[in-house]
Amino acid sequence: MIDVLDIVTLDNDIDYVVGAKTKIDDVIYYCLINESNLDDLIICSSTDEVTLKEVNDAEIVKKLLPRFYKSIRDAKIIEKCLKMNENA
């Protein structure tokens, strides 16, 4: 199972942090952020929580943004990141 703040390594051998996660119907969507380059953001989908497929459909991405925001807010991601920075 992939959760928010997990690190996933994609086929390009780059590590991404799961910044947000949401489910629509039977599909789970993830917002992945490159650990080394915060400008590198990938949105992926999965039906089995193992295989990730990049999402490039603008309409789907538009639907996901408010859900990703809610995921980040509910998981208190910003607070956790700030706390991690304070302890670094």
N, C-alpha and C. Protein backbone atom coordinates (compact mmCIF):
# COMPACT_ATOMS: atom_id res chain seq x y z
N MET A 1 0.84 -1.17 0.00
CA MET A 1 0.00 0.00 0.00
C MET A 1 0.89 1.25 0.00
N ILE A 2 0.56 2.18 -0.85
CA ILE A 2 1.31 3.44 -0.96
C ILE A 2 0.55 4.51 -0.19
N ASP A 3 1.24 5.20 0.72
CA ASP A 3 0.61 6.23 1.53
C ASP A 3 1.29 7.58 1.33
N VAL A 4 0.63 8.63 1.78
CA VAL A 4 1.19 9.97 1.73
C VAL A 4 2.49 10.00 2.53
N LEU A 5 3.49 10.66 1.99
CA LEU A 5 4.85 10.81 2.51
C LEU A 5 5.74 9.59 2.27
N ASP A 6 5.20 8.54 1.65
CA ASP A 6 6.04 7.41 1.25
C ASP A 6 6.96 7.87 0.12
N ILE A 7 8.07 7.18 -0.03
CA ILE A 7 9.00 7.43 -1.13
C ILE A 7 8.81 6.29 -2.13
N VAL A 8 8.60 6.65 -3.39
CA VAL A 8 8.50 5.65 -4.45
C VAL A 8 9.57 5.95 -5.50
N THR A 9 10.17 4.91 -6.02
CA THR A 9 11.17 5.05 -7.08
C THR A 9 10.52 4.58 -8.37
N LEU A 10 10.48 5.47 -9.34
CA LEU A 10 9.86 5.13 -10.62
C LEU A 10 10.87 4.47 -11.55
N ASP A 11 10.41 4.06 -12.72
CA ASP A 11 11.27 3.39 -13.70
C ASP A 11 12.44 4.24 -14.13
N ASN A 12 12.35 5.57 -13.95
CA ASN A 12 13.44 6.45 -14.33
C ASN A 12 14.51 6.55 -13.23
N ASP A 13 14.38 5.70 -12.19
CA ASP A 13 15.30 5.64 -11.04
C ASP A 13 15.34 6.94 -10.23
N ILE A 14 14.27 7.71 -10.29
CA ILE A 14 14.17 8.93 -9.50
C ILE A 14 13.20 8.68 -8.35
N ASP A 15 13.58 9.15 -7.16
CA ASP A 15 12.73 9.01 -5.98
C ASP A 15 11.73 10.15 -5.91
N TYR A 16 10.48 9.80 -5.66
CA TYR A 16 9.41 10.77 -5.53
C TYR A 16 8.72 10.58 -4.18
N VAL A 17 8.31 11.68 -3.58
CA VAL A 17 7.53 11.65 -2.34
C VAL A 17 6.06 11.71 -2.74
N VAL A 18 5.26 10.87 -2.10
CA VAL A 18 3.82 10.93 -2.33
C VAL A 18 3.29 12.13 -1.55
N GLY A 19 2.93 13.17 -2.28
CA GLY A 19 2.47 14.41 -1.66
C GLY A 19 0.98 14.41 -1.36
N ALA A 20 0.22 13.64 -2.14
CA ALA A 20 -1.22 13.58 -1.93
C ALA A 20 -1.75 12.30 -2.56
N LYS A 21 -2.92 11.88 -2.06
CA LYS A 21 -3.53 10.64 -2.53
C LYS A 21 -5.04 10.80 -2.45
N THR A 22 -5.75 10.33 -3.47
CA THR A 22 -7.20 10.35 -3.44
C THR A 22 -7.74 9.19 -4.27
N LYS A 23 -8.97 8.82 -4.01
CA LYS A 23 -9.58 7.71 -4.74
C LYS A 23 -10.87 8.18 -5.39
N ILE A 24 -11.02 7.85 -6.66
CA ILE A 24 -12.25 8.12 -7.40
C ILE A 24 -12.67 6.80 -8.04
N ASP A 25 -13.87 6.37 -7.70
CA ASP A 25 -14.36 5.06 -8.13
C ASP A 25 -13.37 4.01 -7.64
N ASP A 26 -12.82 3.20 -8.51
CA ASP A 26 -11.87 2.16 -8.09
C ASP A 26 -10.43 2.53 -8.45
N VAL A 27 -10.19 3.79 -8.75
CA VAL A 27 -8.86 4.23 -9.15
C VAL A 27 -8.27 5.14 -8.06
N ILE A 28 -7.03 4.87 -7.69
CA ILE A 28 -6.33 5.68 -6.72
C ILE A 28 -5.38 6.59 -7.49
N TYR A 29 -5.39 7.88 -7.15
CA TYR A 29 -4.53 8.86 -7.80
C TYR A 29 -3.51 9.38 -6.80
N TYR A 30 -2.29 9.58 -7.28
CA TYR A 30 -1.20 10.06 -6.44
C TYR A 30 -0.58 11.30 -7.07
N CYS A 31 -0.20 12.23 -6.23
CA CYS A 31 0.59 13.38 -6.65
C CYS A 31 2.01 13.11 -6.15
N LEU A 32 2.93 12.90 -7.07
CA LEU A 32 4.31 12.56 -6.73
C LEU A 32 5.21 13.76 -6.97
N ILE A 33 6.09 14.03 -6.01
CA ILE A 33 7.00 15.17 -6.08
C ILE A 33 8.43 14.66 -6.03
N ASN A 34 9.21 15.04 -7.01
CA ASN A 34 10.62 14.65 -7.07
C ASN A 34 11.34 15.20 -5.84
N GLU A 35 12.03 14.34 -5.11
CA GLU A 35 12.74 14.76 -3.90
C GLU A 35 13.83 15.78 -4.19
N SER A 36 14.47 15.67 -5.34
CA SER A 36 15.59 16.53 -5.67
C SER A 36 15.21 17.77 -6.46
N ASN A 37 14.04 17.75 -7.07
CA ASN A 37 13.60 18.86 -7.92
C ASN A 37 12.11 19.08 -7.69
N LEU A 38 11.77 19.99 -6.81
CA LEU A 38 10.37 20.20 -6.43
C LEU A 38 9.50 20.70 -7.57
N ASP A 39 10.11 21.12 -8.67
CA ASP A 39 9.35 21.53 -9.84
C ASP A 39 8.89 20.33 -10.67
N ASP A 40 9.43 19.16 -10.36
CA ASP A 40 9.10 17.92 -11.08
C ASP A 40 7.97 17.21 -10.34
N LEU A 41 6.76 17.38 -10.86
CA LEU A 41 5.57 16.82 -10.26
C LEU A 41 4.92 15.86 -11.24
N ILE A 42 4.53 14.70 -10.77
CA ILE A 42 3.89 13.71 -11.63
C ILE A 42 2.59 13.27 -10.97
N ILE A 43 1.53 13.19 -11.75
CA ILE A 43 0.27 12.64 -11.25
C ILE A 43 0.10 11.28 -11.87
N CYS A 44 -0.12 10.28 -11.00
CA CYS A 44 -0.24 8.90 -11.45
C CYS A 44 -1.54 8.30 -10.95
N SER A 45 -1.94 7.23 -11.61
CA SER A 45 -3.12 6.48 -11.17
C SER A 45 -2.73 5.02 -10.98
N SER A 46 -3.55 4.33 -10.20
CA SER A 46 -3.32 2.91 -9.96
C SER A 46 -4.64 2.24 -9.60
N THR A 47 -4.81 1.03 -10.09
CA THR A 47 -5.98 0.25 -9.70
C THR A 47 -5.60 -0.86 -8.73
N ASP A 48 -4.29 -1.08 -8.56
CA ASP A 48 -3.83 -2.16 -7.68
C ASP A 48 -2.83 -1.71 -6.61
N GLU A 49 -2.56 -0.42 -6.54
CA GLU A 49 -1.59 0.17 -5.62
C GLU A 49 -0.17 -0.36 -5.80
N VAL A 50 0.10 -0.94 -6.95
CA VAL A 50 1.44 -1.42 -7.27
C VAL A 50 1.92 -0.78 -8.57
N THR A 51 1.09 -0.87 -9.58
CA THR A 51 1.43 -0.36 -10.90
C THR A 51 0.94 1.09 -11.01
N LEU A 52 1.88 2.00 -11.28
CA LEU A 52 1.52 3.41 -11.44
C LEU A 52 1.55 3.80 -12.91
N LYS A 53 0.54 4.56 -13.32
CA LYS A 53 0.46 5.01 -14.71
C LYS A 53 0.30 6.52 -14.68
N GLU A 54 1.15 7.23 -15.43
CA GLU A 54 1.09 8.68 -15.44
C GLU A 54 -0.22 9.18 -16.05
N VAL A 55 -0.80 10.21 -15.44
CA VAL A 55 -2.05 10.80 -15.91
C VAL A 55 -1.71 12.10 -16.63
N ASN A 56 -2.14 12.21 -17.90
CA ASN A 56 -1.89 13.41 -18.69
C ASN A 56 -3.16 14.08 -19.16
N ASP A 57 -4.31 13.57 -18.74
CA ASP A 57 -5.60 14.11 -19.14
C ASP A 57 -5.92 15.36 -18.30
N ALA A 58 -5.98 16.51 -18.95
CA ALA A 58 -6.18 17.79 -18.25
C ALA A 58 -7.48 17.82 -17.46
N GLU A 59 -8.53 17.21 -17.97
CA GLU A 59 -9.81 17.20 -17.26
C GLU A 59 -9.73 16.39 -15.97
N ILE A 60 -9.05 15.27 -16.02
CA ILE A 60 -8.88 14.46 -14.80
C ILE A 60 -8.03 15.22 -13.79
N VAL A 61 -6.95 15.82 -14.26
CA VAL A 61 -6.07 16.59 -13.37
C VAL A 61 -6.86 17.72 -12.71
N LYS A 62 -7.70 18.39 -13.47
CA LYS A 62 -8.53 19.48 -12.95
C LYS A 62 -9.43 18.98 -11.81
N LYS A 63 -10.00 17.79 -11.98
CA LYS A 63 -10.85 17.19 -10.95
C LYS A 63 -10.04 16.82 -9.71
N LEU A 64 -8.79 16.42 -9.93
CA LEU A 64 -7.98 15.92 -8.83
C LEU A 64 -7.44 17.02 -7.92
N LEU A 65 -7.18 18.20 -8.45
CA LEU A 65 -6.54 19.25 -7.66
C LEU A 65 -7.26 19.57 -6.35
N PRO A 66 -8.59 19.77 -6.34
CA PRO A 66 -9.25 20.03 -5.05
C PRO A 66 -9.16 18.83 -4.11
N ARG A 67 -9.20 17.63 -4.67
CA ARG A 67 -9.10 16.42 -3.85
C ARG A 67 -7.69 16.27 -3.26
N PHE A 68 -6.68 16.60 -4.06
CA PHE A 68 -5.31 16.56 -3.55
C PHE A 68 -5.13 17.58 -2.42
N TYR A 69 -5.69 18.75 -2.60
CA TYR A 69 -5.61 19.77 -1.56
C TYR A 69 -6.24 19.25 -0.27
N LYS A 70 -7.40 18.62 -0.37
CA LYS A 70 -8.07 18.05 0.81
C LYS A 70 -7.22 16.96 1.44
N SER A 71 -6.59 16.13 0.62
CA SER A 71 -5.71 15.07 1.12
C SER A 71 -4.54 15.65 1.91
N ILE A 72 -3.96 16.71 1.37
CA ILE A 72 -2.82 17.37 2.04
C ILE A 72 -3.29 17.99 3.35
N ARG A 73 -4.41 18.67 3.31
CA ARG A 73 -4.94 19.32 4.51
C ARG A 73 -5.31 18.29 5.58
N ASP A 74 -6.03 17.25 5.20
CA ASP A 74 -6.49 16.25 6.17
C ASP A 74 -5.34 15.48 6.80
N ALA A 75 -4.29 15.24 6.03
CA ALA A 75 -3.14 14.49 6.55
C ALA A 75 -2.15 15.40 7.28
N LYS A 76 -2.46 16.70 7.30
CA LYS A 76 -1.60 17.68 7.97
C LYS A 76 -0.16 17.63 7.43
N ILE A 77 -0.04 17.48 6.11
CA ILE A 77 1.26 17.35 5.45
C ILE A 77 2.11 18.59 5.66
N ILE A 78 1.50 19.76 5.53
CA ILE A 78 2.29 20.99 5.66
C ILE A 78 2.90 21.08 7.06
N GLU A 79 2.10 20.77 8.08
CA GLU A 79 2.60 20.82 9.45
C GLU A 79 3.74 19.82 9.65
N LYS A 80 3.58 18.63 9.09
CA LYS A 80 4.62 17.60 9.21
C LYS A 80 5.92 18.03 8.54
N CYS A 81 5.79 18.64 7.35
CA CYS A 81 6.97 19.09 6.63
C CYS A 81 7.67 20.21 7.39
N LEU A 82 6.90 21.14 7.94
CA LEU A 82 7.50 22.23 8.72
C LEU A 82 8.23 21.67 9.95
N LYS A 83 7.62 20.69 10.60
CA LYS A 83 8.23 20.09 11.78
C LYS A 83 9.52 19.36 11.38
N MET A 84 9.51 18.68 10.23
CA MET A 84 10.71 17.98 9.76
C MET A 84 11.82 19.00 9.50
N ASN A 85 11.48 20.15 8.91
CA ASN A 85 12.48 21.18 8.64
C ASN A 85 13.07 21.76 9.93
N GLU A 86 12.23 21.91 10.95
CA GLU A 86 12.71 22.42 12.23
C GLU A 86 13.70 21.46 12.87
N ASN A 87 13.47 20.17 12.69
CA ASN A 87 14.33 19.15 13.31
C ASN A 87 15.58 18.86 12.49
N ALA A 88 15.64 19.38 11.27
CA ALA A 88 16.80 19.09 10.40
C ALA A 88 18.00 19.94 10.75
